[in-house]
Amino acid sequence: WFTRNDMTPRVAVLPQRYVDVFESVQMFNRDSRALPSDTPHFDL
């Protein structure tokens, strides 16, 4: 994994701060899929 971190730009394990970002995306994905198909969505 290659980032802009000057101290350790290349590491073998994905840094935790990126893990947190992806876990939040997955949380949104799970919540979205859990919505019943007939749920009325708000629109713009």
ModelCIF file with pLDDT and N, C-alpha, C, O atoms, coordinates in Angstrom:
data_MODEL
#
_entry.id   MODEL 
#
_entity.id                         1 
_entity.type                       polymer 
_entity.pdbx_number_of_molecules   1 
#
_entity_poly.entity_id                      1 
_entity_poly.type                           'polypeptide(L)' 
_entity_poly.nstd_linkage                   no 
_entity_poly.nstd_monomer                   no 
_entity_poly.pdbx_seq_one_letter_code       WFTRNDMTPRVAVLPQRYVDVFESVQMFNRDSRALPSDTPHFDL 
_entity_poly.pdbx_seq_one_letter_code_can   WFTRNDMTPRVAVLPQRYVDVFESVQMFNRDSRALPSDTPHFDL 
_entity_poly.pdbx_strand_id                 A 
#
loop_
_entity_poly_seq.entity_id 
_entity_poly_seq.num 
_entity_poly_seq.mon_id 
_entity_poly_seq.hetero 
1 1  TRP n 
1 2  PHE n 
1 3  THR n 
1 4  ARG n 
1 5  ASN n 
1 6  ASP n 
1 7  MET n 
1 8  THR n 
1 9  PRO n 
1 10 ARG n 
1 11 VAL n 
1 12 ALA n 
1 13 VAL n 
1 14 LEU n 
1 15 PRO n 
1 16 GLN n 
1 17 ARG n 
1 18 TYR n 
1 19 VAL n 
1 20 ASP n 
1 21 VAL n 
1 22 PHE n 
1 23 GLU n 
1 24 SER n 
1 25 VAL n 
1 26 GLN n 
1 27 MET n 
1 28 PHE n 
1 29 ASN n 
1 30 ARG n 
1 31 ASP n 
1 32 SER n 
1 33 ARG n 
1 34 ALA n 
1 35 LEU n 
1 36 PRO n 
1 37 SER n 
1 38 ASP n 
1 39 THR n 
1 40 PRO n 
1 41 HIS n 
1 42 PHE n 
1 43 ASP n 
1 44 LEU n 
#
_struct_asym.id          A 
_struct_asym.entity_id   1 
#
loop_
_ma_qa_metric.id 
_ma_qa_metric.mode 
_ma_qa_metric.name 
_ma_qa_metric.software_group_id 
_ma_qa_metric.type 
1 global pLDDT . pLDDT 
2 local  pLDDT . pLDDT 
#
_ma_qa_metric_global.metric_id      1 
_ma_qa_metric_global.metric_value   87.77 
_ma_qa_metric_global.model_id       1 
_ma_qa_metric_global.ordinal_id     1 
#
loop_
_ma_qa_metric_local.label_asym_id 
_ma_qa_metric_local.label_comp_id 
_ma_qa_metric_local.label_seq_id 
_ma_qa_metric_local.metric_id 
_ma_qa_metric_local.metric_value 
_ma_qa_metric_local.model_id 
_ma_qa_metric_local.ordinal_id 
A TRP 1  2 96.00 1 1  
A PHE 2  2 94.00 1 2  
A THR 3  2 91.00 1 3  
A ARG 4  2 87.00 1 4  
A ASN 5  2 85.00 1 5  
A ASP 6  2 80.00 1 6  
A MET 7  2 85.00 1 7  
A THR 8  2 88.00 1 8  
A PRO 9  2 91.00 1 9  
A ARG 10 2 93.00 1 10 
A VAL 11 2 94.00 1 11 
A ALA 12 2 94.00 1 12 
A VAL 13 2 95.00 1 13 
A LEU 14 2 94.00 1 14 
A PRO 15 2 91.00 1 15 
A GLN 16 2 91.00 1 16 
A ARG 17 2 89.00 1 17 
A TYR 18 2 91.00 1 18 
A VAL 19 2 93.00 1 19 
A ASP 20 2 91.00 1 20 
A VAL 21 2 91.00 1 21 
A PHE 22 2 93.00 1 22 
A GLU 23 2 93.00 1 23 
A SER 24 2 92.00 1 24 
A VAL 25 2 93.00 1 25 
A GLN 26 2 95.00 1 26 
A MET 27 2 94.00 1 27 
A PHE 28 2 95.00 1 28 
A ASN 29 2 95.00 1 29 
A ARG 30 2 95.00 1 30 
A ASP 31 2 95.00 1 31 
A SER 32 2 93.00 1 32 
A ARG 33 2 93.00 1 33 
A ALA 34 2 92.00 1 34 
A LEU 35 2 88.00 1 35 
A PRO 36 2 85.00 1 36 
A SER 37 2 79.00 1 37 
A ASP 38 2 76.00 1 38 
A THR 39 2 73.00 1 39 
A PRO 40 2 69.00 1 40 
A HIS 41 2 66.00 1 41 
A PHE 42 2 65.00 1 42 
A ASP 43 2 68.00 1 43 
A LEU 44 2 71.00 1 44 
#
loop_
_atom_site.group_PDB 
_atom_site.id 
_atom_site.type_symbol 
_atom_site.label_atom_id 
_atom_site.label_alt_id 
_atom_site.label_comp_id 
_atom_site.label_asym_id 
_atom_site.label_entity_id 
_atom_site.label_seq_id 
_atom_site.pdbx_PDB_ins_code 
_atom_site.Cartn_x 
_atom_site.Cartn_y 
_atom_site.Cartn_z 
_atom_site.occupancy 
_atom_site.B_iso_or_equiv 
_atom_site.pdbx_formal_charge 
_atom_site.auth_seq_id 
_atom_site.auth_comp_id 
_atom_site.auth_asym_id 
_atom_site.auth_atom_id 
_atom_site.pdbx_PDB_model_num 
ATOM 1   N N  . TRP A 1 1  ? 0.860   -1.182 0.000  1.00 96.00 ? 1  TRP A N  1 
ATOM 2   C CA . TRP A 1 1  ? 0.000   0.000  0.000  1.00 96.00 ? 1  TRP A CA 1 
ATOM 3   C C  . TRP A 1 1  ? 0.897   1.233  0.000  1.00 96.00 ? 1  TRP A C  1 
ATOM 4   O O  . TRP A 1 1  ? 1.793   1.360  0.834  1.00 96.00 ? 1  TRP A O  1 
ATOM 5   N N  . PHE A 1 2  ? 0.647   2.136  -0.939 1.00 94.00 ? 2  PHE A N  1 
ATOM 6   C CA . PHE A 1 2  ? 1.506   3.304  -1.142 1.00 94.00 ? 2  PHE A CA 1 
ATOM 7   C C  . PHE A 1 2  ? 0.673   4.564  -0.925 1.00 94.00 ? 2  PHE A C  1 
ATOM 8   O O  . PHE A 1 2  ? -0.313  4.792  -1.626 1.00 94.00 ? 2  PHE A O  1 
ATOM 9   N N  . THR A 1 3  ? 1.081   5.389  0.061  1.00 91.00 ? 3  THR A N  1 
ATOM 10  C CA . THR A 1 3  ? 0.371   6.628  0.370  1.00 91.00 ? 3  THR A CA 1 
ATOM 11  C C  . THR A 1 3  ? 1.368   7.781  0.425  1.00 91.00 ? 3  THR A C  1 
ATOM 12  O O  . THR A 1 3  ? 2.553   7.605  0.143  1.00 91.00 ? 3  THR A O  1 
ATOM 13  N N  . ARG A 1 4  ? 0.874   8.961  0.792  1.00 87.00 ? 4  ARG A N  1 
ATOM 14  C CA . ARG A 1 4  ? 1.748   10.133 0.863  1.00 87.00 ? 4  ARG A CA 1 
ATOM 15  C C  . ARG A 1 4  ? 2.415   10.276 2.233  1.00 87.00 ? 4  ARG A C  1 
ATOM 16  O O  . ARG A 1 4  ? 3.053   11.294 2.502  1.00 87.00 ? 4  ARG A O  1 
ATOM 17  N N  . ASN A 1 5  ? 2.276   9.288  3.084  1.00 85.00 ? 5  ASN A N  1 
ATOM 18  C CA . ASN A 1 5  ? 2.918   9.338  4.392  1.00 85.00 ? 5  ASN A CA 1 
ATOM 19  C C  . ASN A 1 5  ? 4.437   9.329  4.214  1.00 85.00 ? 5  ASN A C  1 
ATOM 20  O O  . ASN A 1 5  ? 5.000   8.335  3.756  1.00 85.00 ? 5  ASN A O  1 
ATOM 21  N N  . ASP A 1 6  ? 5.097   10.423 4.570  1.00 80.00 ? 6  ASP A N  1 
ATOM 22  C CA . ASP A 1 6  ? 6.539   10.537 4.349  1.00 80.00 ? 6  ASP A CA 1 
ATOM 23  C C  . ASP A 1 6  ? 7.342   9.561  5.202  1.00 80.00 ? 6  ASP A C  1 
ATOM 24  O O  . ASP A 1 6  ? 8.415   9.117  4.792  1.00 80.00 ? 6  ASP A O  1 
ATOM 25  N N  . MET A 1 7  ? 6.828   9.225  6.389  1.00 85.00 ? 7  MET A N  1 
ATOM 26  C CA . MET A 1 7  ? 7.561   8.338  7.288  1.00 85.00 ? 7  MET A CA 1 
ATOM 27  C C  . MET A 1 7  ? 7.489   6.883  6.807  1.00 85.00 ? 7  MET A C  1 
ATOM 28  O O  . MET A 1 7  ? 8.506   6.191  6.758  1.00 85.00 ? 7  MET A O  1 
ATOM 29  N N  . THR A 1 8  ? 6.301   6.433  6.459  1.00 88.00 ? 8  THR A N  1 
ATOM 30  C CA . THR A 1 8  ? 6.114   5.053  5.990  1.00 88.00 ? 8  THR A CA 1 
ATOM 31  C C  . THR A 1 8  ? 5.222   5.075  4.760  1.00 88.00 ? 8  THR A C  1 
ATOM 32  O O  . THR A 1 8  ? 4.046   4.725  4.856  1.00 88.00 ? 8  THR A O  1 
ATOM 33  N N  . PRO A 1 9  ? 5.744   5.475  3.608  1.00 91.00 ? 9  PRO A N  1 
ATOM 34  C CA . PRO A 1 9  ? 4.885   5.574  2.413  1.00 91.00 ? 9  PRO A CA 1 
ATOM 35  C C  . PRO A 1 9  ? 4.390   4.225  1.908  1.00 91.00 ? 9  PRO A C  1 
ATOM 36  O O  . PRO A 1 9  ? 3.315   4.136  1.314  1.00 91.00 ? 9  PRO A O  1 
ATOM 37  N N  . ARG A 1 10 ? 5.181   3.165  2.146  1.00 93.00 ? 10 ARG A N  1 
ATOM 38  C CA . ARG A 1 10 ? 4.784   1.836  1.666  1.00 93.00 ? 10 ARG A CA 1 
ATOM 39  C C  . ARG A 1 10 ? 4.695   0.880  2.844  1.00 93.00 ? 10 ARG A C  1 
ATOM 40  O O  . ARG A 1 10 ? 5.662   0.691  3.582  1.00 93.00 ? 10 ARG A O  1 
ATOM 41  N N  . VAL A 1 11 ? 3.508   0.273  3.011  1.00 94.00 ? 11 VAL A N  1 
ATOM 42  C CA . VAL A 1 11 ? 3.279   -0.666 4.108  1.00 94.00 ? 11 VAL A CA 1 
ATOM 43  C C  . VAL A 1 11 ? 2.559   -1.889 3.566  1.00 94.00 ? 11 VAL A C  1 
ATOM 44  O O  . VAL A 1 11 ? 1.899   -1.831 2.528  1.00 94.00 ? 11 VAL A O  1 
ATOM 45  N N  . ALA A 1 12 ? 2.697   -3.004 4.289  1.00 94.00 ? 12 ALA A N  1 
ATOM 46  C CA . ALA A 1 12 ? 2.088   -4.249 3.835  1.00 94.00 ? 12 ALA A CA 1 
ATOM 47  C C  . ALA A 1 12 ? 0.612   -4.336 4.199  1.00 94.00 ? 12 ALA A C  1 
ATOM 48  O O  . ALA A 1 12 ? -0.161  -4.993 3.502  1.00 94.00 ? 12 ALA A O  1 
ATOM 49  N N  . VAL A 1 13 ? 0.216   -3.679 5.286  1.00 95.00 ? 13 VAL A N  1 
ATOM 50  C CA . VAL A 1 13 ? -1.162  -3.759 5.769  1.00 95.00 ? 13 VAL A CA 1 
ATOM 51  C C  . VAL A 1 13 ? -1.854  -2.416 5.542  1.00 95.00 ? 13 VAL A C  1 
ATOM 52  O O  . VAL A 1 13 ? -1.274  -1.362 5.804  1.00 95.00 ? 13 VAL A O  1 
ATOM 53  N N  . LEU A 1 14 ? -3.076  -2.456 5.063  1.00 94.00 ? 14 LEU A N  1 
ATOM 54  C CA . LEU A 1 14 ? -3.840  -1.233 4.805  1.00 94.00 ? 14 LEU A CA 1 
ATOM 55  C C  . LEU A 1 14 ? -3.953  -0.410 6.080  1.00 94.00 ? 14 LEU A C  1 
ATOM 56  O O  . LEU A 1 14 ? -4.454  -0.924 7.080  1.00 94.00 ? 14 LEU A O  1 
ATOM 57  N N  . PRO A 1 15 ? -3.505  0.858  6.093  1.00 91.00 ? 15 PRO A N  1 
ATOM 58  C CA . PRO A 1 15 ? -3.588  1.680  7.304  1.00 91.00 ? 15 PRO A CA 1 
ATOM 59  C C  . PRO A 1 15 ? -5.026  1.823  7.792  1.00 91.00 ? 15 PRO A C  1 
ATOM 60  O O  . PRO A 1 15 ? -5.971  1.817  7.003  1.00 91.00 ? 15 PRO A O  1 
ATOM 61  N N  . GLN A 1 16 ? -5.170  1.952  9.108  1.00 91.00 ? 16 GLN A N  1 
ATOM 62  C CA . GLN A 1 16 ? -6.484  1.938  9.731  1.00 91.00 ? 16 GLN A CA 1 
ATOM 63  C C  . GLN A 1 16 ? -7.373  3.065  9.250  1.00 91.00 ? 16 GLN A C  1 
ATOM 64  O O  . GLN A 1 16 ? -8.585  2.880  9.137  1.00 91.00 ? 16 GLN A O  1 
ATOM 65  N N  . ARG A 1 17 ? -6.810  4.226  8.963  1.00 89.00 ? 17 ARG A N  1 
ATOM 66  C CA . ARG A 1 17 ? -7.660  5.359  8.572  1.00 89.00 ? 17 ARG A CA 1 
ATOM 67  C C  . ARG A 1 17 ? -8.405  5.066  7.267  1.00 89.00 ? 17 ARG A C  1 
ATOM 68  O O  . ARG A 1 17 ? -9.521  5.547  7.071  1.00 89.00 ? 17 ARG A O  1 
ATOM 69  N N  . TYR A 1 18 ? -7.792  4.277  6.373  1.00 91.00 ? 18 TYR A N  1 
ATOM 70  C CA . TYR A 1 18 ? -8.487  3.894  5.143  1.00 91.00 ? 18 TYR A CA 1 
ATOM 71  C C  . TYR A 1 18 ? -9.498  2.785  5.422  1.00 91.00 ? 18 TYR A C  1 
ATOM 72  O O  . TYR A 1 18 ? -10.564 2.734  4.810  1.00 91.00 ? 18 TYR A O  1 
ATOM 73  N N  . VAL A 1 19 ? -9.147  1.895  6.358  1.00 93.00 ? 19 VAL A N  1 
ATOM 74  C CA . VAL A 1 19 ? -10.100 0.858  6.761  1.00 93.00 ? 19 VAL A CA 1 
ATOM 75  C C  . VAL A 1 19 ? -11.385 1.502  7.270  1.00 93.00 ? 19 VAL A C  1 
ATOM 76  O O  . VAL A 1 19 ? -12.483 1.058  6.933  1.00 93.00 ? 19 VAL A O  1 
ATOM 77  N N  . ASP A 1 20 ? -11.247 2.556  8.088  1.00 91.00 ? 20 ASP A N  1 
ATOM 78  C CA . ASP A 1 20 ? -12.422 3.247  8.621  1.00 91.00 ? 20 ASP A CA 1 
ATOM 79  C C  . ASP A 1 20 ? -13.281 3.829  7.504  1.00 91.00 ? 20 ASP A C  1 
ATOM 80  O O  . ASP A 1 20 ? -14.509 3.770  7.563  1.00 91.00 ? 20 ASP A O  1 
ATOM 81  N N  . VAL A 1 21 ? -12.631 4.392  6.487  1.00 91.00 ? 21 VAL A N  1 
ATOM 82  C CA . VAL A 1 21 ? -13.364 4.968  5.355  1.00 91.00 ? 21 VAL A CA 1 
ATOM 83  C C  . VAL A 1 21 ? -14.168 3.897  4.636  1.00 91.00 ? 21 VAL A C  1 
ATOM 84  O O  . VAL A 1 21 ? -15.347 4.091  4.340  1.00 91.00 ? 21 VAL A O  1 
ATOM 85  N N  . PHE A 1 22 ? -13.527 2.762  4.354  1.00 93.00 ? 22 PHE A N  1 
ATOM 86  C CA . PHE A 1 22 ? -14.215 1.701  3.620  1.00 93.00 ? 22 PHE A CA 1 
ATOM 87  C C  . PHE A 1 22 ? -15.298 1.049  4.462  1.00 93.00 ? 22 PHE A C  1 
ATOM 88  O O  . PHE A 1 22 ? -16.326 0.633  3.927  1.00 93.00 ? 22 PHE A O  1 
ATOM 89  N N  . GLU A 1 23 ? -15.087 0.953  5.770  1.00 93.00 ? 23 GLU A N  1 
ATOM 90  C CA . GLU A 1 23 ? -16.126 0.388  6.630  1.00 93.00 ? 23 GLU A CA 1 
ATOM 91  C C  . GLU A 1 23 ? -17.363 1.285  6.653  1.00 93.00 ? 23 GLU A C  1 
ATOM 92  O O  . GLU A 1 23 ? -18.487 0.789  6.726  1.00 93.00 ? 23 GLU A O  1 
ATOM 93  N N  . SER A 1 24 ? -17.164 2.593  6.592  1.00 92.00 ? 24 SER A N  1 
ATOM 94  C CA . SER A 1 24 ? -18.312 3.511  6.554  1.00 92.00 ? 24 SER A CA 1 
ATOM 95  C C  . SER A 1 24 ? -19.082 3.348  5.252  1.00 92.00 ? 24 SER A C  1 
ATOM 96  O O  . SER A 1 24 ? -20.313 3.387  5.243  1.00 92.00 ? 24 SER A O  1 
ATOM 97  N N  . VAL A 1 25 ? -18.353 3.163  4.144  1.00 93.00 ? 25 VAL A N  1 
ATOM 98  C CA . VAL A 1 25 ? -19.024 2.907  2.868  1.00 93.00 ? 25 VAL A CA 1 
ATOM 99  C C  . VAL A 1 25 ? -19.838 1.619  2.945  1.00 93.00 ? 25 VAL A C  1 
ATOM 100 O O  . VAL A 1 25 ? -20.980 1.572  2.488  1.00 93.00 ? 25 VAL A O  1 
ATOM 101 N N  . GLN A 1 26 ? -19.246 0.571  3.528  1.00 95.00 ? 26 GLN A N  1 
ATOM 102 C CA . GLN A 1 26 ? -19.950 -0.698 3.653  1.00 95.00 ? 26 GLN A CA 1 
ATOM 103 C C  . GLN A 1 26 ? -21.177 -0.577 4.550  1.00 95.00 ? 26 GLN A C  1 
ATOM 104 O O  . GLN A 1 26 ? -22.202 -1.209 4.298  1.00 95.00 ? 26 GLN A O  1 
ATOM 105 N N  . MET A 1 27 ? -21.068 0.241  5.604  1.00 94.00 ? 27 MET A N  1 
ATOM 106 C CA . MET A 1 27 ? -22.219 0.458  6.476  1.00 94.00 ? 27 MET A CA 1 
ATOM 107 C C  . MET A 1 27 ? -23.369 1.096  5.685  1.00 94.00 ? 27 MET A C  1 
ATOM 108 O O  . MET A 1 27 ? -24.525 0.701  5.839  1.00 94.00 ? 27 MET A O  1 
ATOM 109 N N  . PHE A 1 28 ? -23.051 2.073  4.845  1.00 95.00 ? 28 PHE A N  1 
ATOM 110 C CA . PHE A 1 28 ? -24.085 2.702  4.022  1.00 95.00 ? 28 PHE A CA 1 
ATOM 111 C C  . PHE A 1 28 ? -24.665 1.698  3.036  1.00 95.00 ? 28 PHE A C  1 
ATOM 112 O O  . PHE A 1 28 ? -25.875 1.675  2.812  1.00 95.00 ? 28 PHE A O  1 
ATOM 113 N N  . ASN A 1 29 ? -23.806 0.866  2.443  1.00 95.00 ? 29 ASN A N  1 
ATOM 114 C CA . ASN A 1 29 ? -24.295 -0.145 1.510  1.00 95.00 ? 29 ASN A CA 1 
ATOM 115 C C  . ASN A 1 29 ? -25.255 -1.115 2.196  1.00 95.00 ? 29 ASN A C  1 
ATOM 116 O O  . ASN A 1 29 ? -26.307 -1.451 1.653  1.00 95.00 ? 29 ASN A O  1 
ATOM 117 N N  . ARG A 1 30 ? -24.879 -1.559 3.399  1.00 95.00 ? 30 ARG A N  1 
ATOM 118 C CA . ARG A 1 30 ? -25.747 -2.500 4.121  1.00 95.00 ? 30 ARG A CA 1 
ATOM 119 C C  . ARG A 1 30 ? -27.082 -1.850 4.482  1.00 95.00 ? 30 ARG A C  1 
ATOM 120 O O  . ARG A 1 30 ? -28.138 -2.462 4.321  1.00 95.00 ? 30 ARG A O  1 
ATOM 121 N N  . ASP A 1 31 ? -27.032 -0.611 4.970  1.00 95.00 ? 31 ASP A N  1 
ATOM 122 C CA . ASP A 1 31 ? -28.268 0.075  5.333  1.00 95.00 ? 31 ASP A CA 1 
ATOM 123 C C  . ASP A 1 31 ? -29.156 0.304  4.111  1.00 95.00 ? 31 ASP A C  1 
ATOM 124 O O  . ASP A 1 31 ? -30.379 0.202  4.199  1.00 95.00 ? 31 ASP A O  1 
ATOM 125 N N  . SER A 1 32 ? -28.539 0.611  2.977  1.00 93.00 ? 32 SER A N  1 
ATOM 126 C CA . SER A 1 32 ? -29.311 0.842  1.750  1.00 93.00 ? 32 SER A CA 1 
ATOM 127 C C  . SER A 1 32 ? -29.988 -0.440 1.283  1.00 93.00 ? 32 SER A C  1 
ATOM 128 O O  . SER A 1 32 ? -31.153 -0.432 0.887  1.00 93.00 ? 32 SER A O  1 
ATOM 129 N N  . ARG A 1 33 ? -29.243 -1.543 1.335  1.00 93.00 ? 33 ARG A N  1 
ATOM 130 C CA . ARG A 1 33 ? -29.818 -2.824 0.900  1.00 93.00 ? 33 ARG A CA 1 
ATOM 131 C C  . ARG A 1 33 ? -30.910 -3.294 1.854  1.00 93.00 ? 33 ARG A C  1 
ATOM 132 O O  . ARG A 1 33 ? -31.820 -4.023 1.458  1.00 93.00 ? 33 ARG A O  1 
ATOM 133 N N  . ALA A 1 34 ? -30.814 -2.872 3.113  1.00 92.00 ? 34 ALA A N  1 
ATOM 134 C CA . ALA A 1 34 ? -31.803 -3.309 4.106  1.00 92.00 ? 34 ALA A CA 1 
ATOM 135 C C  . ALA A 1 34 ? -33.136 -2.590 3.965  1.00 92.00 ? 34 ALA A C  1 
ATOM 136 O O  . ALA A 1 34 ? -34.134 -3.019 4.543  1.00 92.00 ? 34 ALA A O  1 
ATOM 137 N N  . LEU A 1 35 ? -33.163 -1.494 3.200  1.00 88.00 ? 35 LEU A N  1 
ATOM 138 C CA . LEU A 1 35 ? -34.427 -0.788 2.987  1.00 88.00 ? 35 LEU A CA 1 
ATOM 139 C C  . LEU A 1 35 ? -35.385 -1.680 2.195  1.00 88.00 ? 35 LEU A C  1 
ATOM 140 O O  . LEU A 1 35 ? -34.991 -2.237 1.170  1.00 88.00 ? 35 LEU A O  1 
ATOM 141 N N  . PRO A 1 36 ? -36.619 -1.825 2.641  1.00 85.00 ? 36 PRO A N  1 
ATOM 142 C CA . PRO A 1 36 ? -37.592 -2.606 1.861  1.00 85.00 ? 36 PRO A CA 1 
ATOM 143 C C  . PRO A 1 36 ? -37.739 -2.042 0.454  1.00 85.00 ? 36 PRO A C  1 
ATOM 144 O O  . PRO A 1 36 ? -37.619 -0.836 0.241  1.00 85.00 ? 36 PRO A O  1 
ATOM 145 N N  . SER A 1 37 ? -37.996 -2.917 -0.489 1.00 79.00 ? 37 SER A N  1 
ATOM 146 C CA . SER A 1 37 ? -38.068 -2.490 -1.893 1.00 79.00 ? 37 SER A CA 1 
ATOM 147 C C  . SER A 1 37 ? -39.187 -1.493 -2.144 1.00 79.00 ? 37 SER A C  1 
ATOM 148 O O  . SER A 1 37 ? -39.112 -0.704 -3.086 1.00 79.00 ? 37 SER A O  1 
ATOM 149 N N  . ASP A 1 38 ? -40.215 -1.518 -1.320 1.00 76.00 ? 38 ASP A N  1 
ATOM 150 C CA . ASP A 1 38 ? -41.339 -0.607 -1.521 1.00 76.00 ? 38 ASP A CA 1 
ATOM 151 C C  . ASP A 1 38 ? -41.209 0.668  -0.686 1.00 76.00 ? 38 ASP A C  1 
ATOM 152 O O  . ASP A 1 38 ? -42.169 1.429  -0.570 1.00 76.00 ? 38 ASP A O  1 
ATOM 153 N N  . THR A 1 39 ? -40.032 0.906  -0.105 1.00 73.00 ? 39 THR A N  1 
ATOM 154 C CA . THR A 1 39 ? -39.840 2.109  0.696  1.00 73.00 ? 39 THR A CA 1 
ATOM 155 C C  . THR A 1 39 ? -39.869 3.336  -0.202 1.00 73.00 ? 39 THR A C  1 
ATOM 156 O O  . THR A 1 39 ? -39.095 3.404  -1.157 1.00 73.00 ? 39 THR A O  1 
ATOM 157 N N  . PRO A 1 40 ? -40.739 4.316  0.071  1.00 69.00 ? 40 PRO A N  1 
ATOM 158 C CA . PRO A 1 40 ? -40.737 5.539  -0.745 1.00 69.00 ? 40 PRO A CA 1 
ATOM 159 C C  . PRO A 1 40 ? -39.496 6.370  -0.436 1.00 69.00 ? 40 PRO A C  1 
ATOM 160 O O  . PRO A 1 40 ? -39.246 6.722  0.717  1.00 69.00 ? 40 PRO A O  1 
ATOM 161 N N  . HIS A 1 41 ? -38.728 6.678  -1.466 1.00 66.00 ? 41 HIS A N  1 
ATOM 162 C CA . HIS A 1 41 ? -37.510 7.459  -1.290 1.00 66.00 ? 41 HIS A CA 1 
ATOM 163 C C  . HIS A 1 41 ? -37.812 8.941  -1.492 1.00 66.00 ? 41 HIS A C  1 
ATOM 164 O O  . HIS A 1 41 ? -38.607 9.322  -2.351 1.00 66.00 ? 41 HIS A O  1 
ATOM 165 N N  . PHE A 1 42 ? -37.168 9.749  -0.691 1.00 65.00 ? 42 PHE A N  1 
ATOM 166 C CA . PHE A 1 42 ? -37.263 11.185 -0.894 1.00 65.00 ? 42 PHE A CA 1 
ATOM 167 C C  . PHE A 1 42 ? -36.527 11.549 -2.174 1.00 65.00 ? 42 PHE A C  1 
ATOM 168 O O  . PHE A 1 42 ? -35.542 10.908 -2.541 1.00 65.00 ? 42 PHE A O  1 
ATOM 169 N N  . ASP A 1 43 ? -37.007 12.567 -2.837 1.00 68.00 ? 43 ASP A N  1 
ATOM 170 C CA . ASP A 1 43 ? -36.391 12.996 -4.085 1.00 68.00 ? 43 ASP A CA 1 
ATOM 171 C C  . ASP A 1 43 ? -35.942 14.438 -3.936 1.00 68.00 ? 43 ASP A C  1 
ATOM 172 O O  . ASP A 1 43 ? -36.349 15.140 -3.010 1.00 68.00 ? 43 ASP A O  1 
ATOM 173 N N  . LEU A 1 44 ? -35.100 14.864 -4.858 1.00 71.00 ? 44 LEU A N  1 
ATOM 174 C CA . LEU A 1 44 ? -34.708 16.264 -4.897 1.00 71.00 ? 44 LEU A CA 1 
ATOM 175 C C  . LEU A 1 44 ? -35.917 17.103 -5.267 1.00 71.00 ? 44 LEU A C  1 
ATOM 176 O O  . LEU A 1 44 ? -35.815 18.327 -5.358 1.00 71.00 ? 44 LEU A O  1 
#
